[in-house]
Amino acid sequence: MDTADRVDLVTRHTEEVVTEEELAEELEGDSPSAYIGYAPTGEMHIGHFTTMRKLADFLQAGIEVTVLIADLHAHLDDEKSPFELLDARSAYYEEAIRGMIDAAGADPDEVEFVRGMDYQLDEEYSLEMYRMAAETTISRSQRAASEVVRESDSPNLGGLLYPLMQNLDVKSLGADIAYGGIDQRGIYMLGREILPDHGGKSPVCLFAPLLSGLTGGKMSASEEASKVNLTDSPEEVAEKIDNAYCPMGEVEDNGVLEYTKYLVFPILDQRDEDFVVERPEEYGGDLVYETYEDLEADFVSEELHPADFKSAVGEYISEVIDPIRERLTDQSDLLAEAYPEKYGDE
């Protein structure tokens, strides 16, 4: 695979690359590395899966991948995870991410997993963080983290340290490429400015899109109907997709289309399979799509009816998450320890 093909593979289905020229330079070198960090807060869901699926592309492109389970970050961000649950939730996140990587067709054993407290309490890291804090204004830190950290008129100090630590993680983990959702853009643009002054380098930044919720508009972690959880049963998946916002011919804010594009089709491509919509002969028979673009064109032209489309998507998504669901539900103790309010009495 030449550099141009590697760039195409790494950048497909992304929102933005800063910059593509720098990415090509990294891919021409020896053993480029990428990292993504996840703060172990609420349960992981299909939105996380669309982002994690990209790690399969990284591995195929010959990139070394590190996943940071950012345990301290989960507590610093307005105590979204109580300190006493950090270890349990970190264990759950690693297991869920391993399951997603495996379901995406890659080997999770090729990914290095690191926890924040493995190195973020070291003297060298702490000293560098203090130096960054001395040089960064409150308003700059707030602006950088505004799309990520829960903020208020009187923010906690932890939320102000959050973006500094996230950028220091890039240096500490030796990452050439920082990968995350487009909501992370402000944090990493700060990092590109300040890391060279702290013994690091400006990372290449690769951003995944933030996808719509199933109820239309932004996905809400607190709204069950807006997302598919990794532990949802096939019946629950089918019901959520069937009730999802998917008006005839409309693409904007259509989460069903977005998950088909960013999750289902990439996995089908890896399997060399087509997307099949089953229909009775009296309604024209089955529809077979080799590409997402063909499917979207038929949906916009109203050749593909939302009811038929959603029925197929529900089956595909359920099939994709099935091994992850089984992996997690087979470990009931893991779920109960991480989320005792939901699973503790089971």
C-alpha atoms as a PDB file:
ATOM      1  CA  MET A   1       0.000   0.000   0.000  1.00  0.00           C
ATOM      2  CA  ASP A   2       1.574   3.297  -1.074  1.00  0.00           C
ATOM      3  CA  THR A   3       1.334   6.565   0.869  1.00  0.00           C
ATOM      4  CA  ALA A   4      -1.599   7.923  -1.145  1.00  0.00           C
ATOM      5  CA  ASP A   5      -3.640   4.760  -0.480  1.00  0.00           C
ATOM      6  CA  ARG A   6      -2.764   4.896   3.215  1.00  0.00           C
ATOM      7  CA  VAL A   7      -3.860   8.534   3.407  1.00  0.00           C
ATOM      8  CA  ASP A   8      -7.163   7.675   1.714  1.00  0.00           C
ATOM      9  CA  LEU A   9      -7.753   4.805   4.128  1.00  0.00           C
ATOM     10  CA  VAL A  10      -6.896   6.818   7.229  1.00  0.00           C
ATOM     11  CA  THR A  11      -8.948   9.875   6.233  1.00  0.00           C
ATOM     12  CA  ARG A  12     -12.074   8.169   4.908  1.00  0.00           C
ATOM     13  CA  HIS A  13     -15.271   9.022   6.790  1.00  0.00           C
ATOM     14  CA  THR A  14     -13.567  11.810   8.762  1.00  0.00           C
ATOM     15  CA  GLU A  15     -14.726  15.373   9.352  1.00  0.00           C
ATOM     16  CA  GLU A  16     -11.386  17.167   9.159  1.00  0.00           C
ATOM     17  CA  VAL A  17      -7.643  16.519   8.956  1.00  0.00           C
ATOM     18  CA  VAL A  18      -5.114  19.051  10.252  1.00  0.00           C
ATOM     19  CA  THR A  19      -3.249  18.762   8.007  1.00  0.00           C
ATOM     20  CA  GLU A  20      -3.368  16.188   5.211  1.00  0.00           C
ATOM     21  CA  GLU A  21       0.128  17.158   4.067  1.00  0.00           C
ATOM     22  CA  GLU A  22       1.507  16.511   7.558  1.00  0.00           C
ATOM     23  CA  LEU A  23      -0.361  13.201   7.701  1.00  0.00           C
ATOM     24  CA  ALA A  24       1.245  12.087   4.424  1.00  0.00           C
ATOM     25  CA  GLU A  25       4.676  12.949   5.842  1.00  0.00           C
ATOM     26  CA  GLU A  26       4.013  10.872   8.951  1.00  0.00           C
ATOM     27  CA  LEU A  27       2.829   7.913   6.885  1.00  0.00           C
ATOM     28  CA  GLU A  28       6.005   8.026   4.826  1.00  0.00           C
ATOM     29  CA  GLY A  29       8.067   7.589   8.004  1.00  0.00           C
ATOM     30  CA  ASP A  30       8.730   4.519  10.112  1.00  0.00           C
ATOM     31  CA  SER A  31       6.048   3.288  12.519  1.00  0.00           C
ATOM     32  CA  PRO A  32       3.739   6.328  12.773  1.00  0.00           C
ATOM     33  CA  SER A  33       1.623   6.276  15.914  1.00  0.00           C
ATOM     34  CA  ALA A  34      -1.899   7.417  16.748  1.00  0.00           C
ATOM     35  CA  TYR A  35      -3.809   7.715  19.973  1.00  0.00           C
ATOM     36  CA  ILE A  36      -7.397   8.254  21.057  1.00  0.00           C
ATOM     37  CA  GLY A  37      -8.471   8.939  24.613  1.00  0.00           C
ATOM     38  CA  TYR A  38     -11.763   8.057  26.272  1.00  0.00           C
ATOM     39  CA  ALA A  39     -12.820   9.240  29.710  1.00  0.00           C
ATOM     40  CA  PRO A  40     -14.702   6.328  31.341  1.00  0.00           C
ATOM     41  CA  THR A  41     -17.978   7.983  32.271  1.00  0.00           C
ATOM     42  CA  GLY A  42     -21.352   6.695  31.006  1.00  0.00           C
ATOM     43  CA  GLU A  43     -21.961   3.449  29.154  1.00  0.00           C
ATOM     44  CA  MET A  44     -20.526   3.204  25.665  1.00  0.00           C
ATOM     45  CA  HIS A  45     -22.960   3.219  22.735  1.00  0.00           C
ATOM     46  CA  ILE A  46     -23.135   3.074  18.962  1.00  0.00           C
ATOM     47  CA  GLY A  47     -21.766   6.598  18.645  1.00  0.00           C
ATOM     48  CA  HIS A  48     -18.543   5.392  20.236  1.00  0.00           C
ATOM     49  CA  PHE A  49     -18.508   2.402  17.891  1.00  0.00           C
ATOM     50  CA  THR A  50     -18.526   4.602  14.767  1.00  0.00           C
ATOM     51  CA  THR A  51     -15.443   6.377  16.121  1.00  0.00           C
ATOM     52  CA  MET A  52     -13.666   3.222  17.289  1.00  0.00           C
ATOM     53  CA  ARG A  53     -14.194   1.515  13.941  1.00  0.00           C
ATOM     54  CA  LYS A  54     -11.604   3.887  12.471  1.00  0.00           C
ATOM     55  CA  LEU A  55      -8.915   2.111  14.524  1.00  0.00           C
ATOM     56  CA  ALA A  56      -9.257  -0.837  12.136  1.00  0.00           C
ATOM     57  CA  ASP A  57      -8.268   1.523   9.305  1.00  0.00           C
ATOM     58  CA  PHE A  58      -5.270   2.757  11.313  1.00  0.00           C
ATOM     59  CA  LEU A  59      -4.023  -0.778  11.876  1.00  0.00           C
ATOM     60  CA  GLN A  60      -4.524  -1.697   8.226  1.00  0.00           C
ATOM     61  CA  ALA A  61      -2.511   1.388   7.250  1.00  0.00           C
ATOM     62  CA  GLY A  62       0.396   0.260   9.422  1.00  0.00           C
ATOM     63  CA  ILE A  63      -0.136   2.774  12.231  1.00  0.00           C
ATOM     64  CA  GLU A  64       0.656   1.882  15.840  1.00  0.00           C
ATOM     65  CA  VAL A  65      -2.453   2.552  17.932  1.00  0.00           C
ATOM     66  CA  THR A  66      -2.746   3.471  21.603  1.00  0.00           C
ATOM     67  CA  VAL A  67      -6.075   3.808  23.406  1.00  0.00           C
ATOM     68  CA  LEU A  68      -5.943   5.895  26.547  1.00  0.00           C
ATOM     69  CA  ILE A  69      -8.535   5.098  29.188  1.00  0.00           C
ATOM     70  CA  ALA A  70      -8.483   8.589  30.684  1.00  0.00           C
ATOM     71  CA  ASP A  71      -9.600   7.748  34.206  1.00  0.00           C
ATOM     72  CA  LEU A  72      -8.512  10.993  35.878  1.00  0.00           C
ATOM     73  CA  HIS A  73     -10.225  13.015  33.148  1.00  0.00           C
ATOM     74  CA  ALA A  74     -13.515  11.262  33.939  1.00  0.00           C
ATOM     75  CA  HIS A  75     -13.395  12.636  37.468  1.00  0.00           C
ATOM     76  CA  LEU A  76     -11.960  16.059  36.640  1.00  0.00           C
ATOM     77  CA  ASP A  77     -14.849  16.794  34.254  1.00  0.00           C
ATOM     78  CA  ASP A  78     -17.419  17.782  36.879  1.00  0.00           C
ATOM     79  CA  GLU A  79     -17.021  14.404  38.616  1.00  0.00           C
ATOM     80  CA  LYS A  80     -18.915  12.602  35.844  1.00  0.00           C
ATOM     81  CA  SER A  81     -17.462   9.420  37.305  1.00  0.00           C
ATOM     82  CA  PRO A  82     -17.135   9.159  41.108  1.00  0.00           C
ATOM     83  CA  PHE A  83     -13.542   8.506  42.130  1.00  0.00           C
ATOM     84  CA  GLU A  84     -14.429   5.141  43.679  1.00  0.00           C
ATOM     85  CA  LEU A  85     -15.863   3.911  40.345  1.00  0.00           C
ATOM     86  CA  LEU A  86     -12.904   4.899  38.150  1.00  0.00           C
ATOM     87  CA  ASP A  87     -11.199   1.519  38.253  1.00  0.00           C
ATOM     88  CA  ALA A  88     -14.377  -0.443  37.496  1.00  0.00           C
ATOM     89  CA  ARG A  89     -15.424   1.862  34.694  1.00  0.00           C
ATOM     90  CA  SER A  90     -11.926   1.804  33.220  1.00  0.00           C
ATOM     91  CA  ALA A  91     -12.067  -1.998  33.118  1.00  0.00           C
ATOM     92  CA  TYR A  92     -15.496  -1.840  31.444  1.00  0.00           C
ATOM     93  CA  TYR A  93     -14.306   0.694  28.848  1.00  0.00           C
ATOM     94  CA  GLU A  94     -11.302  -1.401  27.907  1.00  0.00           C
ATOM     95  CA  GLU A  95     -13.446  -4.498  27.502  1.00  0.00           C
ATOM     96  CA  ALA A  96     -16.077  -2.630  25.453  1.00  0.00           C
ATOM     97  CA  ILE A  97     -13.435  -1.054  23.206  1.00  0.00           C
ATOM     98  CA  ARG A  98     -11.749  -4.414  22.666  1.00  0.00           C
ATOM     99  CA  GLY A  99     -15.130  -5.778  21.631  1.00  0.00           C
ATOM    100  CA  MET A 100     -15.721  -2.924  19.180  1.00  0.00           C
ATOM    101  CA  ILE A 101     -12.290  -3.290  17.580  1.00  0.00           C
ATOM    102  CA  ASP A 102     -12.866  -7.021  17.181  1.00  0.00           C
ATOM    103  CA  ALA A 103     -16.334  -6.468  15.696  1.00  0.00           C
ATOM    104  CA  ALA A 104     -14.831  -3.985  13.221  1.00  0.00           C
ATOM    105  CA  GLY A 105     -12.609  -6.744  11.850  1.00  0.00           C
ATOM    106  CA  ALA A 106      -9.315  -5.857  13.568  1.00  0.00           C
ATOM    107  CA  ASP A 107      -7.290  -7.533  16.305  1.00  0.00           C
ATOM    108  CA  PRO A 108      -7.613  -5.735  19.661  1.00  0.00           C
ATOM    109  CA  ASP A 109      -4.350  -7.347  20.787  1.00  0.00           C
ATOM    110  CA  GLU A 110      -2.574  -5.111  18.251  1.00  0.00           C
ATOM    111  CA  VAL A 111      -3.754  -2.053  20.206  1.00  0.00           C
ATOM    112  CA  GLU A 112      -1.945  -0.822  23.309  1.00  0.00           C
ATOM    113  CA  PHE A 113      -4.227   0.146  26.207  1.00  0.00           C
ATOM    114  CA  VAL A 114      -3.020   2.650  28.794  1.00  0.00           C
ATOM    115  CA  ARG A 115      -4.726   4.193  31.825  1.00  0.00           C
ATOM    116  CA  GLY A 116      -4.186   7.817  32.698  1.00  0.00           C
ATOM    117  CA  MET A 117      -3.133   7.202  36.286  1.00  0.00           C
ATOM    118  CA  ASP A 118      -0.393   4.864  35.025  1.00  0.00           C
ATOM    119  CA  TYR A 119       1.678   7.952  34.180  1.00  0.00           C
ATOM    120  CA  GLN A 120      -0.296  11.156  34.891  1.00  0.00           C
ATOM    121  CA  LEU A 121       0.804  11.118  38.544  1.00  0.00           C
ATOM    122  CA  ASP A 122       4.503  10.957  37.670  1.00  0.00           C
ATOM    123  CA  GLU A 123       6.699  13.871  38.737  1.00  0.00           C
ATOM    124  CA  GLU A 124       7.748  14.783  35.190  1.00  0.00           C
ATOM    125  CA  TYR A 125       4.155  14.865  33.939  1.00  0.00           C
ATOM    126  CA  SER A 126       2.961  16.918  36.922  1.00  0.00           C
ATOM    127  CA  LEU A 127       5.752  19.457  36.582  1.00  0.00           C
ATOM    128  CA  GLU A 128       5.026  19.956  32.868  1.00  0.00           C
ATOM    129  CA  MET A 129       1.319  20.360  33.594  1.00  0.00           C
ATOM    130  CA  TYR A 130       2.085  23.089  36.154  1.00  0.00           C
ATOM    131  CA  ARG A 131       4.237  24.865  33.575  1.00  0.00           C
ATOM    132  CA  MET A 132       1.391  24.724  31.075  1.00  0.00           C
ATOM    133  CA  ALA A 133      -1.048  26.013  33.690  1.00  0.00           C
ATOM    134  CA  ALA A 134       1.222  28.956  34.429  1.00  0.00           C
ATOM    135  CA  GLU A 135       1.261  29.923  30.753  1.00  0.00           C
ATOM    136  CA  THR A 136      -2.408  29.372  29.833  1.00  0.00           C
ATOM    137  CA  THR A 137      -5.221  31.799  30.680  1.00  0.00           C
ATOM    138  CA  ILE A 138      -8.523  30.629  32.120  1.00  0.00           C
ATOM    139  CA  SER A 139     -10.419  31.953  29.107  1.00  0.00           C
ATOM    140  CA  ARG A 140      -8.112  30.100  26.676  1.00  0.00           C
ATOM    141  CA  SER A 141      -8.560  26.839  28.540  1.00  0.00           C
ATOM    142  CA  GLN A 142     -12.334  27.291  28.721  1.00  0.00           C
ATOM    143  CA  ARG A 143     -12.551  28.096  25.031  1.00  0.00           C
ATOM    144  CA  ALA A 144     -10.500  25.038  24.088  1.00  0.00           C
ATOM    145  CA  ALA A 145     -12.649  22.658  26.159  1.00  0.00           C
ATOM    146  CA  SER A 146     -16.042  24.294  25.594  1.00  0.00           C
ATOM    147  CA  GLU A 147     -17.370  21.426  23.430  1.00  0.00           C
ATOM    148  CA  VAL A 148     -16.073  18.686  25.708  1.00  0.00           C
ATOM    149  CA  VAL A 149     -16.079  19.686  29.366  1.00  0.00           C
ATOM    150  CA  ARG A 150     -19.259  20.462  31.291  1.00  0.00           C
ATOM    151  CA  GLU A 151     -18.985  24.169  32.064  1.00  0.00           C
ATOM    152  CA  SER A 152     -20.848  26.689  34.211  1.00  0.00           C
ATOM    153  CA  ASP A 153     -20.550  30.316  35.291  1.00  0.00           C
ATOM    154  CA  SER A 154     -18.321  29.116  38.124  1.00  0.00           C
ATOM    155  CA  PRO A 155     -16.336  26.209  36.623  1.00  0.00           C
ATOM    156  CA  ASN A 156     -14.451  23.700  38.710  1.00  0.00           C
ATOM    157  CA  LEU A 157     -10.684  23.853  38.462  1.00  0.00           C
ATOM    158  CA  GLY A 158     -10.570  20.273  37.162  1.00  0.00           C
ATOM    159  CA  GLY A 159     -12.333  21.260  33.952  1.00  0.00           C
ATOM    160  CA  LEU A 160      -9.704  23.945  33.313  1.00  0.00           C
ATOM    161  CA  LEU A 161      -6.839  21.447  33.723  1.00  0.00           C
ATOM    162  CA  TYR A 162      -8.580  18.923  31.465  1.00  0.00           C
ATOM    163  CA  PRO A 163      -7.455  20.343  28.073  1.00  0.00           C
ATOM    164  CA  LEU A 164      -3.886  20.868  29.316  1.00  0.00           C
ATOM    165  CA  MET A 165      -3.650  17.249  30.437  1.00  0.00           C
ATOM    166  CA  GLN A 166      -5.193  15.973  27.215  1.00  0.00           C
ATOM    167  CA  ASN A 167      -2.498  17.701  25.189  1.00  0.00           C
ATOM    168  CA  LEU A 168       0.233  16.586  27.551  1.00  0.00           C
ATOM    169  CA  ASP A 169      -1.040  13.042  26.941  1.00  0.00           C
ATOM    170  CA  VAL A 170      -0.132  13.443  23.256  1.00  0.00           C
ATOM    171  CA  LYS A 171       3.482  14.114  24.232  1.00  0.00           C
ATOM    172  CA  SER A 172       3.616  11.480  26.981  1.00  0.00           C
ATOM    173  CA  LEU A 173       2.286   8.746  24.696  1.00  0.00           C
ATOM    174  CA  GLY A 174       4.547   9.751  21.813  1.00  0.00           C
ATOM    175  CA  ALA A 175       1.625  10.126  19.416  1.00  0.00           C
ATOM    176  CA  ASP A 176       2.176  11.507  15.928  1.00  0.00           C
ATOM    177  CA  ILE A 177      -1.585  11.580  15.283  1.00  0.00           C
ATOM    178  CA  ALA A 178      -4.250  12.722  17.750  1.00  0.00           C
ATOM    179  CA  TYR A 179      -7.632  11.220  16.892  1.00  0.00           C
ATOM    180  CA  GLY A 180     -11.026  12.095  18.327  1.00  0.00           C
ATOM    181  CA  GLY A 181     -14.431  13.573  17.632  1.00  0.00           C
ATOM    182  CA  ILE A 182     -14.713  16.996  16.031  1.00  0.00           C
ATOM    183  CA  ASP A 183     -15.771  18.308  19.453  1.00  0.00           C
ATOM    184  CA  GLN A 184     -12.115  17.813  20.462  1.00  0.00           C
ATOM    185  CA  ARG A 185     -10.910  20.316  17.877  1.00  0.00           C
ATOM    186  CA  GLY A 186     -10.478  23.241  20.259  1.00  0.00           C
ATOM    187  CA  ILE A 187      -8.359  21.176  22.634  1.00  0.00           C
ATOM    188  CA  TYR A 188      -6.006  19.894  19.970  1.00  0.00           C
ATOM    189  CA  MET A 189      -5.650  23.262  18.259  1.00  0.00           C
ATOM    190  CA  LEU A 190      -4.425  24.541  21.631  1.00  0.00           C
ATOM    191  CA  GLY A 191      -2.021  21.613  21.718  1.00  0.00           C
ATOM    192  CA  ARG A 192      -0.618  22.405  18.300  1.00  0.00           C
ATOM    193  CA  GLU A 193       0.219  25.852  19.659  1.00  0.00           C
ATOM    194  CA  ILE A 194       1.737  24.995  23.021  1.00  0.00           C
ATOM    195  CA  LEU A 195       3.261  21.503  22.782  1.00  0.00           C
ATOM    196  CA  PRO A 196       6.404  22.617  20.875  1.00  0.00           C
ATOM    197  CA  ASP A 197       7.222  24.846  23.870  1.00  0.00           C
ATOM    198  CA  HIS A 198       6.995  21.834  26.185  1.00  0.00           C
ATOM    199  CA  GLY A 199       9.275  19.347  24.485  1.00  0.00           C
ATOM    200  CA  GLY A 200       6.633  17.914  22.192  1.00  0.00           C
ATOM    201  CA  LYS A 201       5.548  18.488  18.625  1.00  0.00           C
ATOM    202  CA  SER A 202       2.355  19.674  16.976  1.00  0.00           C
ATOM    203  CA  PRO A 203       0.381  16.489  16.317  1.00  0.00           C
ATOM    204  CA  VAL A 204      -1.502  15.711  13.146  1.00  0.00           C
ATOM    205  CA  CYS A 205      -5.158  15.970  14.141  1.00  0.00           C
ATOM    206  CA  LEU A 206      -7.791  13.660  12.737  1.00  0.00           C
ATOM    207  CA  PHE A 207     -11.417  14.352  13.642  1.00  0.00           C
ATOM    208  CA  ALA A 208     -14.441  12.093  13.378  1.00  0.00           C
ATOM    209  CA  PRO A 209     -17.863  13.653  12.776  1.00  0.00           C
ATOM    210  CA  LEU A 210     -20.397  13.912  15.587  1.00  0.00           C
ATOM    211  CA  LEU A 211     -23.401  11.969  14.403  1.00  0.00           C
ATOM    212  CA  SER A 212     -27.055  12.762  14.926  1.00  0.00           C
ATOM    213  CA  GLY A 213     -29.161  10.974  17.482  1.00  0.00           C
ATOM    214  CA  LEU A 214     -31.933   8.621  16.434  1.00  0.00           C
ATOM    215  CA  THR A 215     -34.497  11.178  17.557  1.00  0.00           C
ATOM    216  CA  GLY A 216     -33.028  13.878  15.295  1.00  0.00           C
ATOM    217  CA  GLY A 217     -30.512  16.557  16.238  1.00  0.00           C
ATOM    218  CA  LYS A 218     -27.575  15.919  18.537  1.00  0.00           C
ATOM    219  CA  MET A 219     -27.290  12.570  20.260  1.00  0.00           C
ATOM    220  CA  SER A 220     -27.970  12.761  23.983  1.00  0.00           C
ATOM    221  CA  ALA A 221     -26.273  10.297  26.320  1.00  0.00           C
ATOM    222  CA  SER A 222     -29.136  10.757  28.782  1.00  0.00           C
ATOM    223  CA  GLU A 223     -31.900  10.111  26.229  1.00  0.00           C
ATOM    224  CA  GLU A 224     -32.259   6.373  25.715  1.00  0.00           C
ATOM    225  CA  ALA A 225     -34.246   6.678  22.474  1.00  0.00           C
ATOM    226  CA  SER A 226     -31.524   8.754  20.804  1.00  0.00           C
ATOM    227  CA  LYS A 227     -28.871   6.024  20.795  1.00  0.00           C
ATOM    228  CA  VAL A 228     -28.319   2.285  20.552  1.00  0.00           C
ATOM    229  CA  ASN A 229     -26.468   0.932  23.583  1.00  0.00           C
ATOM    230  CA  LEU A 230     -23.933  -1.840  23.114  1.00  0.00           C
ATOM    231  CA  THR A 231     -25.966  -4.051  25.465  1.00  0.00           C
ATOM    232  CA  ASP A 232     -29.333  -3.485  23.728  1.00  0.00           C
ATOM    233  CA  SER A 233     -31.118  -6.679  22.698  1.00  0.00           C
ATOM    234  CA  PRO A 234     -32.011  -7.267  19.025  1.00  0.00           C
ATOM    235  CA  GLU A 235     -35.602  -6.372  19.907  1.00  0.00           C
ATOM    236  CA  GLU A 236     -34.540  -3.104  21.534  1.00  0.00           C
ATOM    237  CA  VAL A 237     -32.339  -2.221  18.557  1.00  0.00           C
ATOM    238  CA  ALA A 238     -35.176  -2.917  16.115  1.00  0.00           C
ATOM    239  CA  GLU A 239     -37.601  -0.822  18.168  1.00  0.00           C
ATOM    240  CA  LYS A 240     -35.229   2.145  18.448  1.00  0.00           C
ATOM    241  CA  ILE A 241     -34.447   2.126  14.728  1.00  0.00           C
ATOM    242  CA  ASP A 242     -38.114   1.662  13.821  1.00  0.00           C
ATOM    243  CA  ASN A 243     -39.051   4.706  15.927  1.00  0.00           C
ATOM    244  CA  ALA A 244     -36.093   6.799  14.730  1.00  0.00           C
ATOM    245  CA  TYR A 245     -36.318  10.124  12.950  1.00  0.00           C
ATOM    246  CA  CYS A 246     -36.017   9.213   9.264  1.00  0.00           C
ATOM    247  CA  PRO A 247     -38.397  11.302   7.121  1.00  0.00           C
ATOM    248  CA  MET A 248     -38.842  10.347   3.492  1.00  0.00           C
ATOM    249  CA  GLY A 249     -36.072  11.751   1.309  1.00  0.00           C
ATOM    250  CA  GLU A 250     -34.440  13.880   4.041  1.00  0.00           C
ATOM    251  CA  VAL A 251     -30.732  13.510   4.840  1.00  0.00           C
ATOM    252  CA  GLU A 252     -30.115  16.275   7.400  1.00  0.00           C
ATOM    253  CA  ASP A 253     -30.131  15.170  11.062  1.00  0.00           C
ATOM    254  CA  ASN A 254     -30.962  11.640   9.902  1.00  0.00           C
ATOM    255  CA  GLY A 255     -29.139   9.397  12.330  1.00  0.00           C
ATOM    256  CA  VAL A 256     -30.292   6.229  10.582  1.00  0.00           C
ATOM    257  CA  LEU A 257     -28.533   7.295   7.388  1.00  0.00           C
ATOM    258  CA  GLU A 258     -25.455   8.463   9.273  1.00  0.00           C
ATOM    259  CA  TYR A 259     -24.956   5.191  11.120  1.00  0.00           C
ATOM    260  CA  THR A 260     -25.433   3.331   7.864  1.00  0.00           C
ATOM    261  CA  LYS A 261     -22.701   5.454   6.265  1.00  0.00           C
ATOM    262  CA  TYR A 262     -20.169   5.568   9.081  1.00  0.00           C
ATOM    263  CA  LEU A 263     -20.636   2.165  10.702  1.00  0.00           C
ATOM    264  CA  VAL A 264     -22.551  -0.373   8.623  1.00  0.00           C
ATOM    265  CA  PHE A 265     -21.030   0.243   5.188  1.00  0.00           C
ATOM    266  CA  PRO A 266     -17.381   0.350   6.347  1.00  0.00           C
ATOM    267  CA  ILE A 267     -17.844  -3.002   8.079  1.00  0.00           C
ATOM    268  CA  LEU A 268     -19.640  -4.474   5.064  1.00  0.00           C
ATOM    269  CA  ASP A 269     -16.807  -3.189   2.858  1.00  0.00           C
ATOM    270  CA  GLN A 270     -14.310  -4.994   5.061  1.00  0.00           C
ATOM    271  CA  ARG A 271     -16.347  -8.176   4.686  1.00  0.00           C
ATOM    272  CA  ASP A 272     -16.788  -7.583   0.942  1.00  0.00           C
ATOM    273  CA  GLU A 273     -20.579  -7.716   1.371  1.00  0.00           C
ATOM    274  CA  ASP A 274     -23.405  -5.618  -0.068  1.00  0.00           C
ATOM    275  CA  PHE A 275     -26.212  -3.878   1.811  1.00  0.00           C
ATOM    276  CA  VAL A 276     -29.469  -5.694   1.038  1.00  0.00           C
ATOM    277  CA  VAL A 277     -32.944  -4.289   1.640  1.00  0.00           C
ATOM    278  CA  GLU A 278     -35.475  -7.085   1.495  1.00  0.00           C
ATOM    279  CA  ARG A 279     -38.827  -6.196  -0.111  1.00  0.00           C
ATOM    280  CA  PRO A 280     -41.745  -8.287  -1.380  1.00  0.00           C
ATOM    281  CA  GLU A 281     -41.845  -8.780  -5.137  1.00  0.00           C
ATOM    282  CA  GLU A 282     -45.076  -6.799  -5.304  1.00  0.00           C
ATOM    283  CA  TYR A 283     -43.142  -3.738  -4.098  1.00  0.00           C
ATOM    284  CA  GLY A 284     -40.254  -4.197  -6.520  1.00  0.00           C
ATOM    285  CA  GLY A 285     -38.253  -6.947  -4.826  1.00  0.00           C
ATOM    286  CA  ASP A 286     -34.968  -6.686  -2.966  1.00  0.00           C
ATOM    287  CA  LEU A 287     -32.648  -3.698  -3.342  1.00  0.00           C
ATOM    288  CA  VAL A 288     -28.890  -4.325  -3.292  1.00  0.00           C
ATOM    289  CA  TYR A 289     -26.356  -1.551  -2.680  1.00  0.00           C
ATOM    290  CA  GLU A 290     -22.612  -1.806  -3.161  1.00  0.00           C
ATOM    291  CA  THR A 291     -22.014   1.767  -1.945  1.00  0.00           C
ATOM    292  CA  TYR A 292     -23.589   4.112   0.563  1.00  0.00           C
ATOM    293  CA  GLU A 293     -23.823   6.822  -2.105  1.00  0.00           C
ATOM    294  CA  ASP A 294     -26.144   4.647  -4.200  1.00  0.00           C
ATOM    295  CA  LEU A 295     -28.313   3.955  -1.173  1.00  0.00           C
ATOM    296  CA  GLU A 296     -28.569   7.632  -0.244  1.00  0.00           C
ATOM    297  CA  ALA A 297     -29.467   8.539  -3.830  1.00  0.00           C
ATOM    298  CA  ASP A 298     -32.353   6.060  -3.800  1.00  0.00           C
ATOM    299  CA  PHE A 299     -33.469   7.331  -0.397  1.00  0.00           C
ATOM    300  CA  VAL A 300     -33.473  10.960  -1.577  1.00  0.00           C
ATOM    301  CA  SER A 301     -35.346  10.046  -4.764  1.00  0.00           C
ATOM    302  CA  GLU A 302     -37.828   8.104  -2.594  1.00  0.00           C
ATOM    303  CA  GLU A 303     -37.125   4.836  -4.398  1.00  0.00           C
ATOM    304  CA  LEU A 304     -36.098   3.479  -0.983  1.00  0.00           C
ATOM    305  CA  HIS A 305     -38.900   3.836   1.555  1.00  0.00           C
ATOM    306  CA  PRO A 306     -37.954   4.647   5.176  1.00  0.00           C
ATOM    307  CA  ALA A 307     -39.874   1.653   6.523  1.00  0.00           C
ATOM    308  CA  ASP A 308     -37.950  -0.818   4.346  1.00  0.00           C
ATOM    309  CA  PHE A 309     -34.680   0.994   4.994  1.00  0.00           C
ATOM    310  CA  LYS A 310     -35.090   1.076   8.781  1.00  0.00           C
ATOM    311  CA  SER A 311     -36.006  -2.584   8.894  1.00  0.00           C
ATOM    312  CA  ALA A 312     -32.747  -3.480   7.120  1.00  0.00           C
ATOM    313  CA  VAL A 313     -30.635  -1.083   9.194  1.00  0.00           C
ATOM    314  CA  GLY A 314     -32.019  -2.477  12.440  1.00  0.00           C
ATOM    315  CA  GLU A 315     -30.941  -5.972  11.440  1.00  0.00           C
ATOM    316  CA  TYR A 316     -27.483  -4.896  10.310  1.00  0.00           C
ATOM    317  CA  ILE A 317     -26.767  -2.832  13.425  1.00  0.00           C
ATOM    318  CA  SER A 318     -27.997  -5.598  15.691  1.00  0.00           C
ATOM    319  CA  GLU A 319     -25.766  -8.081  13.872  1.00  0.00           C
ATOM    320  CA  VAL A 320     -22.759  -5.767  14.174  1.00  0.00           C
ATOM    321  CA  ILE A 321     -23.137  -5.179  17.924  1.00  0.00           C
ATOM    322  CA  ASP A 322     -24.205  -8.746  18.729  1.00  0.00           C
ATOM    323  CA  PRO A 323     -20.699 -10.025  19.614  1.00  0.00           C
ATOM    324  CA  ILE A 324     -20.069  -6.909  21.731  1.00  0.00           C
ATOM    325  CA  ARG A 325     -23.396  -7.330  23.515  1.00  0.00           C
ATOM    326  CA  GLU A 326     -22.588 -10.970  24.247  1.00  0.00           C
ATOM    327  CA  ARG A 327     -19.080 -10.089  25.412  1.00  0.00           C
ATOM    328  CA  LEU A 328     -20.400  -7.532  27.904  1.00  0.00           C
ATOM    329  CA  THR A 329     -23.535  -9.272  29.158  1.00  0.00           C
ATOM    330  CA  ASP A 330     -21.513 -12.426  29.797  1.00  0.00           C
ATOM    331  CA  GLN A 331     -19.574 -10.352  32.341  1.00  0.00           C
ATOM    332  CA  SER A 332     -22.407  -9.239  34.570  1.00  0.00           C
ATOM    333  CA  ASP A 333     -20.031  -8.495  37.463  1.00  0.00           C
ATOM    334  CA  LEU A 334     -18.117  -6.037  35.281  1.00  0.00           C
ATOM    335  CA  LEU A 335     -21.302  -4.140  34.403  1.00  0.00           C
ATOM    336  CA  ALA A 336     -22.562  -4.204  37.990  1.00  0.00           C
ATOM    337  CA  GLU A 337     -19.314  -2.814  39.385  1.00  0.00           C
ATOM    338  CA  ALA A 338     -19.089  -0.062  36.773  1.00  0.00           C
ATOM    339  CA  TYR A 339     -22.762   0.974  36.835  1.00  0.00           C
ATOM    340  CA  PRO A 340     -24.253  -0.322  40.104  1.00  0.00           C
ATOM    341  CA  GLU A 341     -27.398   1.827  39.853  1.00  0.00           C
ATOM    342  CA  LYS A 342     -28.399   0.085  36.590  1.00  0.00           C
ATOM    343  CA  TYR A 343     -26.934  -3.389  36.878  1.00  0.00           C
ATOM    344  CA  GLY A 344     -26.219  -3.840  40.579  1.00  0.00           C
ATOM    345  CA  ASP A 345     -29.474  -5.597  41.417  1.00  0.00           C
ATOM    346  CA  GLU A 346     -29.372  -8.047  38.517  1.00  0.00           C
END
